[in-house]
Amino acid sequence: MNSRADIMVRPCFQQDLSQVHAIYATHVATGVGTFEIVPPDLQEIGRRWSRNVDNGWPWLVASPLKDIGRVVGYAYAAPFRERAAYAKTFEDSVYVAPGQERKGIGDSLLASLLFGLEADGVREVVAVIGDSKNVGSIRLHAKHGFRDCGKLTKVGYKFGRWLDVVIMQRSLQPED
């Protein structure tokens, strides 16, 4: 399920990881949506991807239909916390390639990710959004039914300034 006719959202394959790495490295080096300071190397991205794939957790990429080998964004979800009681609560992450923002790519990725998580029986999805001024991510999640659950103030320090974290949440299953 995607919201753009010219974008294909598909599973991420190992051959996509160098492009995923490049997208994430740029976000780490230039943005505050992630609180990592040093971009992880390609091997670490591969370990993270393998953990998701080995556990059956989603990791998706967006590619233009005219060039399906090109990755213009990616999204994944993993358990919110490792403890067993959180088994049906996942945290999502969405990253769009530089220059591809505000073209509906994040929207397509998040819609597909949520559709898959719901089909897998996930109950709750949590978004932990770096920087309370990250209006793009906040609006994207709100568009997909996430509600604001609060803000952790000045919990991250990057690029010489203190950063907040916005917590948003969406229920995928009906209330008991």
C-alpha atoms as a PDB file:
ATOM      1  CA  MET A   1       0.000   0.000   0.000  1.00  0.00           C
ATOM      2  CA  ASN A   2       1.520   3.304  -0.998  1.00  0.00           C
ATOM      3  CA  SER A   3       0.071   6.730  -1.592  1.00  0.00           C
ATOM      4  CA  ARG A   4       2.025   7.632  -4.730  1.00  0.00           C
ATOM      5  CA  ALA A   5       1.569   6.038  -8.122  1.00  0.00           C
ATOM      6  CA  ASP A   6       5.183   6.665  -9.160  1.00  0.00           C
ATOM      7  CA  ILE A   7       6.800   5.139  -6.039  1.00  0.00           C
ATOM      8  CA  MET A   8       7.126   1.477  -5.167  1.00  0.00           C
ATOM      9  CA  VAL A   9       7.444   0.546  -1.502  1.00  0.00           C
ATOM     10  CA  ARG A  10       9.070  -2.849  -1.191  1.00  0.00           C
ATOM     11  CA  PRO A  11      11.120  -4.907   1.245  1.00  0.00           C
ATOM     12  CA  CYS A  12      14.712  -3.797   1.684  1.00  0.00           C
ATOM     13  CA  PHE A  13      17.248  -6.244   0.282  1.00  0.00           C
ATOM     14  CA  GLN A  14      20.924  -6.551   1.103  1.00  0.00           C
ATOM     15  CA  GLN A  15      21.867  -4.893  -2.198  1.00  0.00           C
ATOM     16  CA  ASP A  16      19.925  -1.778  -1.070  1.00  0.00           C
ATOM     17  CA  LEU A  17      21.986  -1.292   2.087  1.00  0.00           C
ATOM     18  CA  SER A  18      24.698   0.930   0.583  1.00  0.00           C
ATOM     19  CA  GLN A  19      21.988   3.427  -0.433  1.00  0.00           C
ATOM     20  CA  VAL A  20      20.243   3.086   2.932  1.00  0.00           C
ATOM     21  CA  HIS A  21      23.612   3.721   4.578  1.00  0.00           C
ATOM     22  CA  ALA A  22      24.184   6.860   2.495  1.00  0.00           C
ATOM     23  CA  ILE A  23      20.735   8.243   3.394  1.00  0.00           C
ATOM     24  CA  TYR A  24      21.182   7.581   7.096  1.00  0.00           C
ATOM     25  CA  ALA A  25      24.770   8.870   7.181  1.00  0.00           C
ATOM     26  CA  THR A  26      23.545  12.181   5.755  1.00  0.00           C
ATOM     27  CA  HIS A  27      20.798  12.410   8.394  1.00  0.00           C
ATOM     28  CA  VAL A  28      23.307  11.697  11.169  1.00  0.00           C
ATOM     29  CA  ALA A  29      25.852  14.198   9.831  1.00  0.00           C
ATOM     30  CA  THR A  30      23.441  17.034   9.048  1.00  0.00           C
ATOM     31  CA  GLY A  31      20.173  16.534  10.934  1.00  0.00           C
ATOM     32  CA  VAL A  32      18.695  16.199  14.374  1.00  0.00           C
ATOM     33  CA  GLY A  33      16.034  13.611  13.568  1.00  0.00           C
ATOM     34  CA  THR A  34      18.471  11.032  14.900  1.00  0.00           C
ATOM     35  CA  PHE A  35      20.616  11.578  17.958  1.00  0.00           C
ATOM     36  CA  GLU A  36      23.509   9.492  16.672  1.00  0.00           C
ATOM     37  CA  ILE A  37      26.564  11.717  16.385  1.00  0.00           C
ATOM     38  CA  VAL A  38      28.829   9.573  14.196  1.00  0.00           C
ATOM     39  CA  PRO A  39      27.313   7.780  11.216  1.00  0.00           C
ATOM     40  CA  PRO A  40      27.533   4.014  11.626  1.00  0.00           C
ATOM     41  CA  ASP A  41      29.507   2.171   8.974  1.00  0.00           C
ATOM     42  CA  LEU A  42      27.923  -0.017   6.324  1.00  0.00           C
ATOM     43  CA  GLN A  43      28.601  -3.175   8.341  1.00  0.00           C
ATOM     44  CA  GLU A  44      26.639  -1.783  11.296  1.00  0.00           C
ATOM     45  CA  ILE A  45      23.721  -0.867   9.038  1.00  0.00           C
ATOM     46  CA  GLY A  46      23.895  -4.436   7.756  1.00  0.00           C
ATOM     47  CA  ARG A  47      23.747  -5.792  11.310  1.00  0.00           C
ATOM     48  CA  ARG A  48      20.717  -3.641  12.097  1.00  0.00           C
ATOM     49  CA  TRP A  49      18.958  -4.732   8.910  1.00  0.00           C
ATOM     50  CA  SER A  50      19.803  -8.408   9.539  1.00  0.00           C
ATOM     51  CA  ARG A  51      18.360  -8.203  13.049  1.00  0.00           C
ATOM     52  CA  ASN A  52      15.068  -6.959  11.629  1.00  0.00           C
ATOM     53  CA  VAL A  53      14.965  -9.450   8.780  1.00  0.00           C
ATOM     54  CA  ASP A  54      15.978 -12.389  10.992  1.00  0.00           C
ATOM     55  CA  ASN A  55      13.167 -11.549  13.421  1.00  0.00           C
ATOM     56  CA  GLY A  56      10.543 -10.944  10.752  1.00  0.00           C
ATOM     57  CA  TRP A  57      10.292  -7.231  11.532  1.00  0.00           C
ATOM     58  CA  PRO A  58       9.679  -4.859   8.622  1.00  0.00           C
ATOM     59  CA  TRP A  59      12.364  -2.890   6.810  1.00  0.00           C
ATOM     60  CA  LEU A  60      11.085  -1.184   3.664  1.00  0.00           C
ATOM     61  CA  VAL A  61      12.526   1.008   0.936  1.00  0.00           C
ATOM     62  CA  ALA A  62      10.877   3.386  -1.518  1.00  0.00           C
ATOM     63  CA  SER A  63      12.024   3.320  -5.121  1.00  0.00           C
ATOM     64  CA  PRO A  64      10.848   5.179  -8.227  1.00  0.00           C
ATOM     65  CA  LEU A  65       8.923   2.836 -10.530  1.00  0.00           C
ATOM     66  CA  LYS A  66      11.188   3.899 -13.386  1.00  0.00           C
ATOM     67  CA  ASP A  67      14.320   2.940 -11.412  1.00  0.00           C
ATOM     68  CA  ILE A  68      13.432   0.295  -8.819  1.00  0.00           C
ATOM     69  CA  GLY A  69      17.092  -0.234  -7.928  1.00  0.00           C
ATOM     70  CA  ARG A  70      17.322   3.336  -6.616  1.00  0.00           C
ATOM     71  CA  VAL A  71      16.397   3.963  -2.977  1.00  0.00           C
ATOM     72  CA  VAL A  72      14.835   7.351  -2.169  1.00  0.00           C
ATOM     73  CA  GLY A  73      13.795   6.542   1.375  1.00  0.00           C
ATOM     74  CA  TYR A  74      13.440   3.771   3.880  1.00  0.00           C
ATOM     75  CA  ALA A  75      11.473   2.851   6.978  1.00  0.00           C
ATOM     76  CA  TYR A  76      11.600   0.119   9.532  1.00  0.00           C
ATOM     77  CA  ALA A  77      10.030  -0.894  12.805  1.00  0.00           C
ATOM     78  CA  ALA A  78      11.356  -2.859  15.737  1.00  0.00           C
ATOM     79  CA  PRO A  79      10.079  -3.603  19.219  1.00  0.00           C
ATOM     80  CA  PHE A  80       9.787  -0.478  21.325  1.00  0.00           C
ATOM     81  CA  ARG A  81      11.618  -2.188  24.184  1.00  0.00           C
ATOM     82  CA  GLU A  82      13.202  -5.626  24.587  1.00  0.00           C
ATOM     83  CA  ARG A  83      11.092  -6.786  27.547  1.00  0.00           C
ATOM     84  CA  ALA A  84       8.404  -9.387  26.795  1.00  0.00           C
ATOM     85  CA  ALA A  85       5.505  -7.208  27.931  1.00  0.00           C
ATOM     86  CA  TYR A  86       6.259  -4.823  25.044  1.00  0.00           C
ATOM     87  CA  ALA A  87       5.998  -7.595  22.404  1.00  0.00           C
ATOM     88  CA  LYS A  88       3.055  -5.934  20.604  1.00  0.00           C
ATOM     89  CA  THR A  89       4.454  -2.384  20.745  1.00  0.00           C
ATOM     90  CA  PHE A  90       6.843  -1.260  18.001  1.00  0.00           C
ATOM     91  CA  GLU A  91       8.785   1.923  17.280  1.00  0.00           C
ATOM     92  CA  ASP A  92       8.904   3.228  13.725  1.00  0.00           C
ATOM     93  CA  SER A  93      11.679   5.058  11.890  1.00  0.00           C
ATOM     94  CA  VAL A  94      11.336   6.835   8.532  1.00  0.00           C
ATOM     95  CA  TYR A  95      14.153   8.464   6.547  1.00  0.00           C
ATOM     96  CA  VAL A  96      13.937  10.162   3.153  1.00  0.00           C
ATOM     97  CA  ALA A  97      16.908  10.805   0.886  1.00  0.00           C
ATOM     98  CA  PRO A  98      18.219  14.378   0.741  1.00  0.00           C
ATOM     99  CA  GLY A  99      16.451  16.336  -1.983  1.00  0.00           C
ATOM    100  CA  GLN A 100      13.472  13.955  -1.949  1.00  0.00           C
ATOM    101  CA  GLU A 101      11.648  15.533   0.993  1.00  0.00           C
ATOM    102  CA  ARG A 102       8.029  16.728   0.704  1.00  0.00           C
ATOM    103  CA  LYS A 103       7.309  14.470  -2.279  1.00  0.00           C
ATOM    104  CA  GLY A 104       5.123  11.950  -0.461  1.00  0.00           C
ATOM    105  CA  ILE A 105       7.873   9.373  -0.007  1.00  0.00           C
ATOM    106  CA  GLY A 106       7.711   9.387   3.788  1.00  0.00           C
ATOM    107  CA  ASP A 107       3.926   9.195   3.538  1.00  0.00           C
ATOM    108  CA  SER A 108       4.100   6.112   1.299  1.00  0.00           C
ATOM    109  CA  LEU A 109       6.669   4.446   3.536  1.00  0.00           C
ATOM    110  CA  LEU A 110       4.797   5.069   6.771  1.00  0.00           C
ATOM    111  CA  ALA A 111       1.460   3.944   5.280  1.00  0.00           C
ATOM    112  CA  SER A 112       3.019   0.683   4.094  1.00  0.00           C
ATOM    113  CA  LEU A 113       4.842   0.146   7.369  1.00  0.00           C
ATOM    114  CA  LEU A 114       1.657   0.624   9.419  1.00  0.00           C
ATOM    115  CA  PHE A 115      -0.327  -1.652   7.111  1.00  0.00           C
ATOM    116  CA  GLY A 116       2.239  -4.430   7.580  1.00  0.00           C
ATOM    117  CA  LEU A 117       2.490  -3.963  11.332  1.00  0.00           C
ATOM    118  CA  GLU A 118      -1.276  -4.117  11.695  1.00  0.00           C
ATOM    119  CA  ALA A 119      -1.397  -7.309   9.622  1.00  0.00           C
ATOM    120  CA  ASP A 120       1.281  -8.786  11.901  1.00  0.00           C
ATOM    121  CA  GLY A 121      -0.861  -8.144  14.976  1.00  0.00           C
ATOM    122  CA  VAL A 122       1.103  -5.219  16.375  1.00  0.00           C
ATOM    123  CA  ARG A 123      -1.098  -3.273  18.779  1.00  0.00           C
ATOM    124  CA  GLU A 124       0.726   0.034  19.318  1.00  0.00           C
ATOM    125  CA  VAL A 125       3.287   1.998  17.313  1.00  0.00           C
ATOM    126  CA  VAL A 126       5.415   4.639  18.981  1.00  0.00           C
ATOM    127  CA  ALA A 127       7.267   7.436  17.204  1.00  0.00           C
ATOM    128  CA  VAL A 128      10.233   8.903  19.063  1.00  0.00           C
ATOM    129  CA  ILE A 129      10.870  12.071  17.065  1.00  0.00           C
ATOM    130  CA  GLY A 130      14.153  13.868  17.475  1.00  0.00           C
ATOM    131  CA  ASP A 131      13.794  17.640  17.881  1.00  0.00           C
ATOM    132  CA  SER A 132      10.459  19.228  18.697  1.00  0.00           C
ATOM    133  CA  LYS A 133      11.041  21.550  15.716  1.00  0.00           C
ATOM    134  CA  ASN A 134      10.957  18.537  13.340  1.00  0.00           C
ATOM    135  CA  VAL A 135       7.555  19.580  12.023  1.00  0.00           C
ATOM    136  CA  GLY A 136       7.826  17.381   8.944  1.00  0.00           C
ATOM    137  CA  SER A 137       8.005  14.195  10.977  1.00  0.00           C
ATOM    138  CA  ILE A 138       5.431  15.397  13.494  1.00  0.00           C
ATOM    139  CA  ARG A 139       2.958  16.257  10.713  1.00  0.00           C
ATOM    140  CA  LEU A 140       3.637  12.982   8.899  1.00  0.00           C
ATOM    141  CA  HIS A 141       2.846  10.960  11.999  1.00  0.00           C
ATOM    142  CA  ALA A 142      -0.222  13.062  12.849  1.00  0.00           C
ATOM    143  CA  LYS A 143      -1.521  12.518   9.297  1.00  0.00           C
ATOM    144  CA  HIS A 144      -1.324   8.783   9.937  1.00  0.00           C
ATOM    145  CA  GLY A 145      -3.308   8.926  13.158  1.00  0.00           C
ATOM    146  CA  PHE A 146      -0.533   9.263  15.724  1.00  0.00           C
ATOM    147  CA  ARG A 147      -1.414  11.350  18.745  1.00  0.00           C
ATOM    148  CA  ASP A 148       0.952  13.532  20.728  1.00  0.00           C
ATOM    149  CA  CYS A 149       1.889  11.826  23.991  1.00  0.00           C
ATOM    150  CA  GLY A 150       4.330  14.401  25.269  1.00  0.00           C
ATOM    151  CA  LYS A 151       7.784  15.831  25.032  1.00  0.00           C
ATOM    152  CA  LEU A 152      11.054  15.053  26.762  1.00  0.00           C
ATOM    153  CA  THR A 153      12.869  18.366  27.017  1.00  0.00           C
ATOM    154  CA  LYS A 154      16.580  18.842  26.413  1.00  0.00           C
ATOM    155  CA  VAL A 155      17.445  15.136  26.466  1.00  0.00           C
ATOM    156  CA  GLY A 156      19.817  15.166  23.478  1.00  0.00           C
ATOM    157  CA  TYR A 157      22.782  17.367  22.664  1.00  0.00           C
ATOM    158  CA  LYS A 158      23.872  17.733  19.044  1.00  0.00           C
ATOM    159  CA  PHE A 159      25.371  20.508  16.941  1.00  0.00           C
ATOM    160  CA  GLY A 160      25.924  22.671  20.009  1.00  0.00           C
ATOM    161  CA  ARG A 161      22.344  22.736  21.209  1.00  0.00           C
ATOM    162  CA  TRP A 162      19.985  20.826  23.472  1.00  0.00           C
ATOM    163  CA  LEU A 163      17.200  18.972  21.718  1.00  0.00           C
ATOM    164  CA  ASP A 164      13.779  17.736  22.745  1.00  0.00           C
ATOM    165  CA  VAL A 165      12.130  14.453  21.819  1.00  0.00           C
ATOM    166  CA  VAL A 166       8.464  14.297  20.850  1.00  0.00           C
ATOM    167  CA  ILE A 167       6.643  11.071  21.659  1.00  0.00           C
ATOM    168  CA  MET A 168       3.678  10.112  19.470  1.00  0.00           C
ATOM    169  CA  GLN A 169       1.619   6.926  19.477  1.00  0.00           C
ATOM    170  CA  ARG A 170      -0.930   5.157  17.295  1.00  0.00           C
ATOM    171  CA  SER A 171      -3.127   2.207  18.162  1.00  0.00           C
ATOM    172  CA  LEU A 172      -3.504  -0.359  15.388  1.00  0.00           C
ATOM    173  CA  GLN A 173      -5.884  -2.742  17.133  1.00  0.00           C
ATOM    174  CA  PRO A 174      -9.308  -1.984  18.603  1.00  0.00           C
ATOM    175  CA  GLU A 175      -9.559  -1.455  22.328  1.00  0.00           C
ATOM    176  CA  ASP A 176     -10.174  -4.596  24.426  1.00  0.00           C
END
